[in-house]
Amino acid sequence: MRRGSGSMPMVLLFAALLAVLGASGAADAAPRLDACVTVVADPGVNPGVARACREALAQAWPAMIAEVWPIDGARPRFEIRLMTTGGFQALHRDRIADWGVGLAADDRAWVDVQRSLGGGRTAAHVTVHEAVHCLLHQALPGVTGVPAWFHEGLAQDLSGEWRFRDTVSLILDGHVPDLANLETGFPADAGRADQAYRTGLLAVQSLRAWHGQDVVPRLVVAARRTGDFREAMREVTGAQPSVFRERFAASVRVRFGWLVAATRWPTFFVLIALIAGVGIAARRRRDRRRFEALDGAPASPNDIENDLH
């Protein structure tokens, strides 16, 4: 008993040491930004813009890792190069449409931080967007069948580019692209590409709504195991990818069909005519009540005097 009790402090000390080491390991389990990503700013890039890009990436990093990197014992490694418009176009003129401001490969991304994007999007959004692409490329090496709409939709969602007005404007355009046409790439035309980007974003949001907020990391894990994203979709959602595409199209029609109908010729002008008719009828009723009130009011002495003259 004496020998056993004497060894207890050592046992407790050893257990405490294991607990500390375990806690340290858990804390280090998520890859750190500074150990994974190098951000390089070319000469001529505004230091304030570069700083904003780095800050946005640091803020988005935990969510990006939680969504795209459910991988133990490994860490991504890539470089993001912030460039002037001239430098970006000189390097990528033959690889990207003239409206493009970002490009990503497995271990490198390039961002034009000078071009005006419009719609509230900034160089910081594009930096995070391209970083998500790098993460996905490295999380799914050799995986076949990863749809372009998933890549782009997830990159937009995690970069904070999504706005409700983007969905509304997509619907008002009158045509939501079929996801089947956005499997391997996006249109080169700027207008059609914009529709495709917003469609991919809405599709990723629908994935989460129907299959849980953790659907993306589950898809990544399944795709890494099977080597085929389509098989991962079947495993995680319980149905063929085509079923998701059909459900998505039907959902858009149900949720926003009234908005499309309300803005179509001649429905739009019929609606305007109805609104105008209701307004005119309300004004006439108001005027009628005023006249009736005047007719029933007692005459003033001045009015009587004027009548006698």
Protein backbone atom coordinates (compact mmCIF):
# COMPACT_ATOMS: atom_id res chain seq x y z
CA MET A 1 0.00 0.00 0.00
CA ARG A 2 2.78 2.43 0.86
CA ARG A 3 4.54 1.73 -2.43
CA GLY A 4 1.30 2.12 -4.35
CA SER A 5 0.41 5.41 -2.70
CA GLY A 6 3.91 6.72 -3.32
CA SER A 7 3.54 6.06 -7.03
CA MET A 8 0.19 7.89 -7.26
CA PRO A 9 1.70 11.39 -7.63
CA MET A 10 3.79 10.14 -10.55
CA VAL A 11 0.73 8.56 -12.15
CA LEU A 12 -1.26 11.76 -11.75
CA LEU A 13 1.63 13.81 -13.11
CA PHE A 14 1.92 11.53 -16.14
CA ALA A 15 -1.84 11.71 -16.75
CA ALA A 16 -1.75 15.50 -16.49
CA LEU A 17 1.13 15.61 -18.96
CA LEU A 18 -0.81 13.45 -21.41
CA ALA A 19 -3.83 15.71 -21.02
CA VAL A 20 -1.74 18.80 -21.77
CA LEU A 21 -0.15 17.16 -24.78
CA GLY A 22 -3.54 15.99 -25.98
CA ALA A 23 -5.01 19.43 -25.61
CA SER A 24 -2.05 20.92 -27.45
CA GLY A 25 -2.47 18.39 -30.24
CA ALA A 26 -6.17 19.19 -30.52
CA ALA A 27 -5.42 22.90 -30.67
CA ASP A 28 -2.89 22.31 -33.43
CA ALA A 29 -5.15 19.90 -35.32
CA ALA A 30 -6.59 22.66 -37.50
CA PRO A 31 -3.94 23.92 -39.92
CA ARG A 32 -2.94 27.50 -39.18
CA LEU A 33 -3.11 30.15 -41.85
CA ASP A 34 0.49 31.28 -41.40
CA ALA A 35 1.69 27.70 -41.82
CA CYS A 36 -0.34 27.12 -44.97
CA VAL A 37 -0.67 30.29 -47.02
CA THR A 38 1.82 32.85 -48.24
CA VAL A 39 0.38 36.13 -49.54
CA VAL A 40 2.73 38.07 -51.81
CA ALA A 41 1.98 41.58 -53.10
CA ASP A 42 3.57 42.68 -56.38
CA PRO A 43 5.18 46.12 -56.73
CA GLY A 44 2.51 48.72 -57.42
CA VAL A 45 -0.16 47.03 -55.30
CA ASN A 46 -1.70 49.42 -52.78
CA PRO A 47 -0.45 48.40 -49.29
CA GLY A 48 -3.88 49.15 -47.79
CA VAL A 49 -5.57 46.84 -50.30
CA ALA A 50 -3.02 44.12 -49.63
CA ARG A 51 -3.61 44.47 -45.90
CA ALA A 52 -7.38 44.20 -46.39
CA CYS A 53 -6.92 41.02 -48.43
CA ARG A 54 -4.76 39.44 -45.73
CA GLU A 55 -7.22 40.42 -43.00
CA ALA A 56 -10.18 39.00 -44.92
CA LEU A 57 -8.32 35.74 -45.46
CA ALA A 58 -7.45 35.50 -41.74
CA GLN A 59 -11.08 36.11 -40.79
CA ALA A 60 -12.45 33.54 -43.23
CA TRP A 61 -9.78 30.88 -42.63
CA PRO A 62 -11.41 28.97 -39.72
CA ALA A 63 -14.67 28.53 -41.65
CA MET A 64 -12.78 27.58 -44.80
CA ILE A 65 -10.82 24.88 -42.99
CA ALA A 66 -13.92 23.56 -41.22
CA GLU A 67 -15.79 23.28 -44.53
CA VAL A 68 -13.14 22.22 -47.03
CA TRP A 69 -10.38 20.53 -45.01
CA PRO A 70 -11.84 17.77 -42.79
CA ILE A 71 -8.51 15.97 -43.09
CA ASP A 72 -6.42 14.86 -40.11
CA GLY A 73 -2.64 14.83 -40.19
CA ALA A 74 -2.20 16.95 -43.30
CA ARG A 75 -2.15 20.61 -44.17
CA PRO A 76 -2.62 22.55 -47.40
CA ARG A 77 0.15 24.73 -48.78
CA PHE A 78 -0.26 27.43 -51.41
CA GLU A 79 0.66 30.98 -52.37
CA ILE A 80 -1.62 33.89 -53.25
CA ARG A 81 -0.12 36.58 -55.44
CA LEU A 82 -1.77 40.01 -55.37
CA MET A 83 -1.18 41.77 -58.70
CA THR A 84 -1.81 44.97 -60.60
CA THR A 85 -4.19 44.84 -63.56
CA GLY A 86 -1.29 45.17 -66.00
CA GLY A 87 0.66 42.35 -64.40
CA PHE A 88 -2.35 40.06 -64.16
CA GLN A 89 -3.37 40.55 -67.77
CA ALA A 90 0.17 40.15 -69.05
CA LEU A 91 0.47 36.81 -67.24
CA HIS A 92 -3.00 35.37 -67.86
CA ARG A 93 -4.30 37.04 -71.02
CA ASP A 94 -4.52 33.71 -72.86
CA ARG A 95 -5.86 31.70 -69.91
CA ILE A 96 -8.86 33.66 -68.68
CA ALA A 97 -11.74 35.77 -70.01
CA ASP A 98 -11.09 39.50 -70.16
CA TRP A 99 -13.57 40.11 -67.32
CA GLY A 100 -11.76 37.70 -64.97
CA VAL A 101 -9.99 39.07 -61.89
CA GLY A 102 -8.79 35.86 -60.24
CA LEU A 103 -7.34 32.49 -61.11
CA ALA A 104 -6.40 29.48 -58.97
CA ALA A 105 -4.44 26.27 -59.41
CA ASP A 106 -3.54 23.54 -56.92
CA ASP A 107 -0.82 25.44 -55.09
CA ARG A 108 -1.07 29.02 -56.36
CA ALA A 109 -3.62 31.75 -56.92
CA TRP A 110 -3.42 35.11 -58.66
CA VAL A 111 -5.66 38.11 -57.91
CA ASP A 112 -6.02 41.37 -59.82
CA VAL A 113 -6.56 43.80 -56.92
CA GLN A 114 -6.93 46.93 -59.05
CA ARG A 115 -9.90 46.11 -61.24
CA SER A 116 -13.28 47.51 -60.20
CA LEU A 117 -15.66 44.63 -59.54
CA GLY A 118 -18.96 46.36 -58.76
CA GLY A 119 -21.84 44.95 -56.75
CA GLY A 120 -20.02 45.41 -53.45
CA ARG A 121 -17.32 42.86 -54.33
CA THR A 122 -13.75 43.77 -53.44
CA ALA A 123 -10.25 42.41 -53.94
CA ALA A 124 -10.56 40.90 -50.46
CA HIS A 125 -13.58 38.85 -51.60
CA VAL A 126 -11.66 37.61 -54.64
CA THR A 127 -8.63 36.68 -52.51
CA VAL A 128 -10.74 34.46 -50.24
CA HIS A 129 -12.63 33.11 -53.26
CA GLU A 130 -9.42 31.93 -54.94
CA ALA A 131 -8.07 30.54 -51.67
CA VAL A 132 -11.16 28.31 -51.41
CA HIS A 133 -10.39 26.97 -54.90
CA CYS A 134 -6.84 26.12 -53.82
CA LEU A 135 -8.14 24.33 -50.73
CA LEU A 136 -10.64 22.31 -52.77
CA HIS A 137 -8.00 21.35 -55.34
CA GLN A 138 -5.71 20.08 -52.59
CA ALA A 139 -8.49 18.42 -50.59
CA LEU A 140 -9.71 16.47 -53.62
CA PRO A 141 -6.56 15.39 -55.50
CA GLY A 142 -7.38 13.07 -58.37
CA VAL A 143 -11.11 13.07 -57.55
CA THR A 144 -13.20 12.92 -60.71
CA GLY A 145 -16.58 14.50 -61.41
CA VAL A 146 -16.28 17.57 -59.16
CA PRO A 147 -18.81 19.95 -60.76
CA ALA A 148 -17.85 23.51 -61.60
CA TRP A 149 -21.02 24.82 -59.93
CA PHE A 150 -19.90 23.25 -56.63
CA HIS A 151 -16.41 24.75 -56.87
CA GLU A 152 -17.65 28.23 -57.73
CA GLY A 153 -20.71 28.21 -55.49
CA LEU A 154 -18.70 27.20 -52.43
CA ALA A 155 -15.99 29.78 -53.20
CA GLN A 156 -18.61 32.53 -53.41
CA ASP A 157 -20.35 31.42 -50.25
CA LEU A 158 -17.22 31.22 -48.08
CA SER A 159 -15.85 34.50 -49.43
CA GLY A 160 -18.98 36.37 -48.36
CA GLU A 161 -19.89 37.42 -51.88
CA TRP A 162 -23.48 36.20 -51.50
CA ARG A 163 -26.24 38.78 -51.28
CA PHE A 164 -30.00 38.25 -51.48
CA ARG A 165 -30.09 40.73 -54.36
CA ASP A 166 -27.87 38.33 -56.32
CA THR A 167 -30.56 35.67 -56.14
CA VAL A 168 -33.30 38.15 -57.02
CA SER A 169 -31.36 39.53 -59.99
CA LEU A 170 -30.73 36.00 -61.20
CA ILE A 171 -34.45 35.26 -61.15
CA LEU A 172 -35.34 38.57 -62.78
CA ASP A 173 -33.02 37.72 -65.65
CA GLY A 174 -35.66 35.15 -66.47
CA HIS A 175 -33.44 32.12 -66.86
CA VAL A 176 -31.70 29.98 -64.26
CA PRO A 177 -29.07 27.82 -66.00
CA ASP A 178 -29.44 24.06 -65.77
CA LEU A 179 -26.87 22.64 -63.36
CA ALA A 180 -26.19 19.89 -65.88
CA ASN A 181 -24.67 22.57 -68.14
CA LEU A 182 -22.42 23.79 -65.31
CA GLU A 183 -20.69 20.51 -64.55
CA THR A 184 -17.43 20.95 -66.43
CA GLY A 185 -17.11 24.70 -66.89
CA PHE A 186 -18.78 28.09 -67.09
CA PRO A 187 -19.65 30.22 -70.14
CA ALA A 188 -17.03 32.67 -71.43
CA ASP A 189 -19.61 35.38 -72.05
CA ALA A 190 -19.66 37.79 -69.09
CA GLY A 191 -23.45 37.96 -68.74
CA ARG A 192 -24.02 34.21 -68.96
CA ALA A 193 -21.06 33.54 -66.68
CA ASP A 194 -22.55 35.88 -64.09
CA GLN A 195 -25.78 33.86 -64.20
CA ALA A 196 -23.76 30.67 -63.82
CA TYR A 197 -21.87 31.95 -60.77
CA ARG A 198 -25.05 33.00 -59.01
CA THR A 199 -26.70 29.69 -59.90
CA GLY A 200 -23.80 27.75 -58.38
CA LEU A 201 -24.07 29.82 -55.23
CA LEU A 202 -27.78 29.14 -54.92
CA ALA A 203 -27.16 25.42 -55.53
CA VAL A 204 -24.63 25.20 -52.67
CA GLN A 205 -27.07 27.00 -50.38
CA SER A 206 -29.73 24.47 -51.38
CA LEU A 207 -27.36 21.58 -50.65
CA ARG A 208 -26.96 22.82 -47.10
CA ALA A 209 -30.67 23.49 -46.63
CA TRP A 210 -31.66 19.98 -47.73
CA HIS A 211 -28.79 17.85 -46.41
CA GLY A 212 -27.47 19.67 -43.36
CA GLN A 213 -24.98 22.42 -42.64
CA ASP A 214 -22.16 19.85 -42.54
CA VAL A 215 -22.89 18.48 -46.02
CA VAL A 216 -19.77 19.99 -47.62
CA PRO A 217 -17.18 18.35 -45.31
CA ARG A 218 -19.12 15.08 -45.58
CA LEU A 219 -18.94 15.31 -49.36
CA VAL A 220 -15.20 16.03 -49.21
CA VAL A 221 -14.56 13.02 -46.97
CA ALA A 222 -16.67 10.70 -49.14
CA ALA A 223 -15.10 11.98 -52.37
CA ARG A 224 -11.58 11.44 -51.04
CA ARG A 225 -12.49 7.88 -50.11
CA THR A 226 -14.31 6.95 -53.33
CA GLY A 227 -12.29 9.04 -55.78
CA ASP A 228 -15.49 10.15 -57.52
CA PHE A 229 -17.56 13.16 -56.50
CA ARG A 230 -20.68 11.72 -58.14
CA GLU A 231 -20.41 8.61 -55.96
CA ALA A 232 -19.92 10.87 -52.94
CA MET A 233 -23.13 12.73 -53.85
CA ARG A 234 -25.01 9.45 -54.01
CA GLU A 235 -23.60 8.35 -50.66
CA VAL A 236 -24.18 11.63 -48.80
CA THR A 237 -27.53 12.71 -50.29
CA GLY A 238 -28.97 9.24 -50.84
CA ALA A 239 -29.73 9.87 -54.50
CA GLN A 240 -28.14 10.28 -57.91
CA PRO A 241 -26.67 13.72 -58.70
CA SER A 242 -29.32 14.11 -61.38
CA VAL A 243 -31.99 13.96 -58.65
CA PHE A 244 -30.40 16.93 -56.90
CA ARG A 245 -30.26 18.87 -60.16
CA GLU A 246 -33.94 18.19 -60.86
CA ARG A 247 -34.95 19.09 -57.32
CA PHE A 248 -32.96 22.30 -57.54
CA ALA A 249 -34.66 23.35 -60.78
CA ALA A 250 -38.10 22.57 -59.35
CA SER A 251 -37.29 24.44 -56.15
CA VAL A 252 -36.32 27.56 -58.08
CA ARG A 253 -39.58 27.43 -60.02
CA VAL A 254 -41.65 27.01 -56.87
CA ARG A 255 -39.84 29.65 -54.79
CA PHE A 256 -39.43 32.31 -57.44
CA GLY A 257 -41.88 31.46 -60.21
CA TRP A 258 -44.28 34.19 -59.07
CA LEU A 259 -41.48 36.75 -59.34
CA VAL A 260 -40.65 35.69 -62.88
CA ALA A 261 -44.32 35.80 -63.88
CA ALA A 262 -44.78 39.23 -62.31
CA THR A 263 -41.99 40.72 -64.40
CA ARG A 264 -42.83 39.16 -67.76
CA TRP A 265 -44.62 40.83 -70.68
CA PRO A 266 -47.62 41.23 -70.70
CA THR A 267 -48.02 40.20 -67.05
CA PHE A 268 -45.88 43.09 -65.86
CA PHE A 269 -48.06 45.70 -67.55
CA VAL A 270 -51.25 43.98 -66.41
CA LEU A 271 -49.92 44.15 -62.86
CA ILE A 272 -49.01 47.83 -63.26
CA ALA A 273 -52.50 48.53 -64.66
CA LEU A 274 -54.12 46.77 -61.69
CA ILE A 275 -52.03 48.73 -59.20
CA ALA A 276 -52.84 51.98 -60.99
CA GLY A 277 -56.56 51.09 -61.08
CA VAL A 278 -56.61 50.39 -57.35
CA GLY A 279 -54.87 53.71 -56.70
CA ILE A 280 -57.32 55.65 -58.87
CA ALA A 281 -60.33 53.99 -57.23
CA ALA A 282 -58.96 54.78 -53.75
CA ARG A 283 -58.41 58.41 -54.70
CA ARG A 284 -61.94 58.76 -56.09
CA ARG A 285 -63.43 57.32 -52.91
CA ARG A 286 -61.38 59.77 -50.86
CA ASP A 287 -62.47 62.73 -53.01
CA ARG A 288 -66.11 61.65 -52.84
CA ARG A 289 -65.99 61.57 -49.05
CA ARG A 290 -64.52 65.07 -49.00
CA PHE A 291 -67.25 66.46 -51.28
CA GLU A 292 -69.96 64.80 -49.21
CA ALA A 293 -68.49 66.35 -46.08
CA LEU A 294 -68.53 69.79 -47.71
CA ASP A 295 -72.15 69.42 -48.88
CA GLY A 296 -73.31 68.55 -45.40
CA ALA A 297 -71.46 71.37 -43.62
CA PRO A 298 -73.51 74.45 -42.39
CA ALA A 299 -73.09 77.63 -44.41
CA SER A 300 -71.06 80.49 -42.88
CA PRO A 301 -72.56 84.03 -42.41
CA ASN A 302 -70.30 85.32 -45.15
CA ASP A 303 -71.64 82.73 -47.55
CA ILE A 304 -75.27 83.80 -46.72
CA GLU A 305 -74.42 87.49 -47.19
CA ASN A 306 -72.79 86.79 -50.54
CA ASP A 307 -75.87 84.86 -51.64
CA LEU A 308 -78.17 87.83 -50.75
CA HIS A 309 -76.14 90.19 -52.88
